[in-house]
C-alpha atoms as a PDB file:
ATOM      1  CA  MET A   1     102.675  92.061  90.925  1.00  0.00           C
ATOM      2  CA  THR A   2     101.230  88.634  91.835  1.00  0.00           C
ATOM      3  CA  TRP A   3      97.832  90.860  92.567  1.00  0.00           C
ATOM      4  CA  THR A   4      98.121  91.923  89.123  1.00  0.00           C
ATOM      5  CA  GLY A   5      98.306  88.685  87.155  1.00  0.00           C
ATOM      6  CA  LEU A   6      95.752  86.815  89.076  1.00  0.00           C
ATOM      7  CA  ALA A   7      93.386  89.507  88.502  1.00  0.00           C
ATOM      8  CA  VAL A   8      93.983  89.607  84.931  1.00  0.00           C
ATOM      9  CA  ALA A   9      93.634  85.901  85.140  1.00  0.00           C
ATOM     10  CA  VAL A  10      90.486  86.221  86.188  1.00  0.00           C
ATOM     11  CA  LEU A  11      88.709  88.644  84.275  1.00  0.00           C
ATOM     12  CA  ALA A  12      90.279  86.707  81.098  1.00  0.00           C
ATOM     13  CA  GLY A  13      88.815  83.477  82.037  1.00  0.00           C
ATOM     14  CA  VAL A  14      85.238  85.950  83.127  1.00  0.00           C
ATOM     15  CA  LEU A  15      85.302  86.886  79.584  1.00  0.00           C
ATOM     16  CA  SER A  16      85.928  83.968  77.634  1.00  0.00           C
ATOM     17  CA  PHE A  17      82.634  82.468  78.891  1.00  0.00           C
ATOM     18  CA  LEU A  18      80.821  85.519  78.293  1.00  0.00           C
ATOM     19  CA  SER A  19      79.412  86.353  74.560  1.00  0.00           C
ATOM     20  CA  TRP A  20      81.294  89.242  72.522  1.00  0.00           C
ATOM     21  CA  ASP A  21      78.499  92.088  72.808  1.00  0.00           C
ATOM     22  CA  ARG A  22      78.721  91.587  77.070  1.00  0.00           C
ATOM     23  CA  ALA A  23      82.248  91.050  77.012  1.00  0.00           C
ATOM     24  CA  ASP A  24      82.436  94.299  75.610  1.00  0.00           C
ATOM     25  CA  GLN A  25      80.297  95.506  77.858  1.00  0.00           C
ATOM     26  CA  VAL A  26      82.380  94.162  81.263  1.00  0.00           C
ATOM     27  CA  ALA A  27      85.555  95.580  79.881  1.00  0.00           C
ATOM     28  CA  GLY A  28      84.452  99.269  79.192  1.00  0.00           C
ATOM     29  CA  VAL A  29      83.037  99.373  82.489  1.00  0.00           C
ATOM     30  CA  VAL A  30      86.123  97.130  84.713  1.00  0.00           C
ATOM     31  CA  SER A  31      88.500  99.421  82.476  1.00  0.00           C
ATOM     32  CA  ALA A  32      86.573 102.807  83.711  1.00  0.00           C
ATOM     33  CA  VAL A  33      87.369 101.238  87.085  1.00  0.00           C
ATOM     34  CA  VAL A  34      90.831 100.471  87.000  1.00  0.00           C
ATOM     35  CA  GLY A  35      91.542 104.202  85.519  1.00  0.00           C
ATOM     36  CA  VAL A  36      89.634 105.851  88.496  1.00  0.00           C
ATOM     37  CA  ALA A  37      91.632 103.605  90.507  1.00  0.00           C
ATOM     38  CA  ALA A  38      95.034 104.205  89.055  1.00  0.00           C
ATOM     39  CA  LEU A  39      94.484 108.000  88.736  1.00  0.00           C
ATOM     40  CA  GLY A  40      93.945 107.519  92.460  1.00  0.00           C
ATOM     41  CA  VAL A  41      96.926 105.789  93.511  1.00  0.00           C
ATOM     42  CA  SER A  42      98.934 108.485  91.486  1.00  0.00           C
ATOM     43  CA  VAL A  43      97.763 111.325  93.256  1.00  0.00           C
ATOM     44  CA  TYR A  44      97.879 110.011  96.792  1.00  0.00           C
ATOM     45  CA  GLY A  45     101.588 108.838  96.028  1.00  0.00           C
ATOM     46  CA  ALA A  46     102.799 112.567  94.983  1.00  0.00           C
ATOM     47  CA  PHE A  47     100.442 114.304  97.300  1.00  0.00           C
ATOM     48  CA  SER A  48     101.744 111.668 100.115  1.00  0.00           C
ATOM     49  CA  PRO A  49     104.650 113.053 102.904  1.00  0.00           C
ATOM     50  CA  SER A  50     107.661 111.776 101.895  1.00  0.00           C
ATOM     51  CA  ARG A  51     110.020 109.315 103.868  1.00  0.00           C
ATOM     52  CA  GLY A  52     113.337 109.301 104.785  1.00  0.00           C
ATOM     53  CA  PRO A  53     115.794 106.492 104.319  1.00  0.00           C
ATOM     54  CA  ASP A  54     115.281 102.852 105.737  1.00  0.00           C
ATOM     55  CA  VAL A  55     117.988 102.574 108.153  1.00  0.00           C
ATOM     56  CA  GLN A  56     119.583  99.308 109.604  1.00  0.00           C
ATOM     57  CA  VAL A  57     121.550  98.661 113.088  1.00  0.00           C
ATOM     58  CA  SER A  58     122.780  95.097 113.912  1.00  0.00           C
ATOM     59  CA  ALA A  59     125.776  93.717 115.534  1.00  0.00           C
ATOM     60  CA  THR A  60     127.239  96.907 116.734  1.00  0.00           C
ATOM     61  CA  GLY A  61     130.050  96.989 119.272  1.00  0.00           C
ATOM     62  CA  ARG A  62     129.655  98.293 122.906  1.00  0.00           C
ATOM     63  CA  ALA A  63     129.424 102.174 123.499  1.00  0.00           C
ATOM     64  CA  THR A  64     130.903 103.728 127.004  1.00  0.00           C
ATOM     65  CA  SER A  65     130.743 107.434 127.412  1.00  0.00           C
ATOM     66  CA  ARG A  66     132.409 109.231 130.760  1.00  0.00           C
ATOM     67  CA  GLY A  67     130.565 112.543 130.220  1.00  0.00           C
ATOM     68  CA  GLY A  68     130.624 113.044 126.524  1.00  0.00           C
ATOM     69  CA  ASP A  69     128.680 110.687 123.884  1.00  0.00           C
ATOM     70  CA  ALA A  70     129.492 107.788 122.727  1.00  0.00           C
ATOM     71  CA  ASN A  71     127.852 105.815 119.668  1.00  0.00           C
ATOM     72  CA  THR A  72     128.005 102.499 117.525  1.00  0.00           C
ATOM     73  CA  GLY A  73     124.988 103.311 116.595  1.00  0.00           C
ATOM     74  CA  PHE A  74     123.001 105.611 114.022  1.00  0.00           C
ATOM     75  CA  VAL A  75     122.346 108.571 115.140  1.00  0.00           C
ATOM     76  CA  ALA A  76     119.922 110.680 112.498  1.00  0.00           C
ATOM     77  CA  PRO A  77     119.995 114.440 112.104  1.00  0.00           C
ATOM     78  CA  THR A  78     116.086 116.071 113.171  1.00  0.00           C
ATOM     79  CA  SER A  79     114.535 116.542 110.092  1.00  0.00           C
ATOM     80  CA  THR A  80     111.252 117.650 108.637  1.00  0.00           C
ATOM     81  CA  THR A  81     110.651 114.189 107.069  1.00  0.00           C
ATOM     82  CA  PRO A  82     109.800 111.310 108.900  1.00  0.00           C
ATOM     83  CA  PRO A  83     111.951 108.432 108.939  1.00  0.00           C
ATOM     84  CA  GLY A  84     111.662 104.795 106.974  1.00  0.00           C
ATOM     85  CA  SER A  85     111.967 102.009 108.186  1.00  0.00           C
ATOM     86  CA  VAL A  86     113.703 101.441 111.718  1.00  0.00           C
ATOM     87  CA  SER A  87     115.515  97.655 112.002  1.00  0.00           C
ATOM     88  CA  VAL A  88     117.763  97.424 115.305  1.00  0.00           C
ATOM     89  CA  SER A  89     118.684  94.118 116.705  1.00  0.00           C
ATOM     90  CA  ASP A  90     121.592  92.331 118.221  1.00  0.00           C
ATOM     91  CA  THR A  91     123.125  95.396 119.459  1.00  0.00           C
ATOM     92  CA  GLY A  92     126.310  96.141 121.849  1.00  0.00           C
ATOM     93  CA  ASP A  93     126.202  96.979 125.707  1.00  0.00           C
ATOM     94  CA  ALA A  94     125.579 101.266 126.085  1.00  0.00           C
ATOM     95  CA  GLU A  95     126.973 102.386 129.672  1.00  0.00           C
ATOM     96  CA  ALA A  96     127.232 106.110 130.230  1.00  0.00           C
ATOM     97  CA  ASP A  97     128.306 108.333 133.424  1.00  0.00           C
ATOM     98  CA  GLY A  98     127.724 111.791 133.135  1.00  0.00           C
ATOM     99  CA  GLY A  99     127.176 111.611 129.185  1.00  0.00           C
ATOM    100  CA  SER A 100     124.698 109.528 127.055  1.00  0.00           C
ATOM    101  CA  ALA A 101     126.117 106.086 124.662  1.00  0.00           C
ATOM    102  CA  ASN A 102     124.087 104.608 121.629  1.00  0.00           C
ATOM    103  CA  THR A 103     124.330 101.287 120.455  1.00  0.00           C
ATOM    104  CA  GLY A 104     121.005 101.273 118.172  1.00  0.00           C
ATOM    105  CA  PHE A 105     119.327 104.235 116.531  1.00  0.00           C
ATOM    106  CA  ARG A 106     119.086 107.464 117.985  1.00  0.00           C
ATOM    107  CA  GLN A 107     117.630 110.703 116.273  1.00  0.00           C
ATOM    108  CA  ARG A 108     118.239 113.808 117.407  1.00  0.00           C
END
């Protein structure tokens, strides 16, 4: 958003120093370039692979397993969609004896 405002301010400043005919020509070229760029962004957004939700795991407790699964974090199911951003901080201890223990993030 800031970049857009800055670009508009620069363009307005440049156009204010030009004659009407020259400003009209520059504005037409800028409009065409912005239109093609907008089309490119929309096509990229339509055909880019979708992402899963963002995941944040923090301040989890202790996970202990004796032959089974223990989880105090987040276990995401197997998915064809790649996950969004994953943030893990300040997780607890994990201890497993013949099983699995998770205090953060795991994707099956």
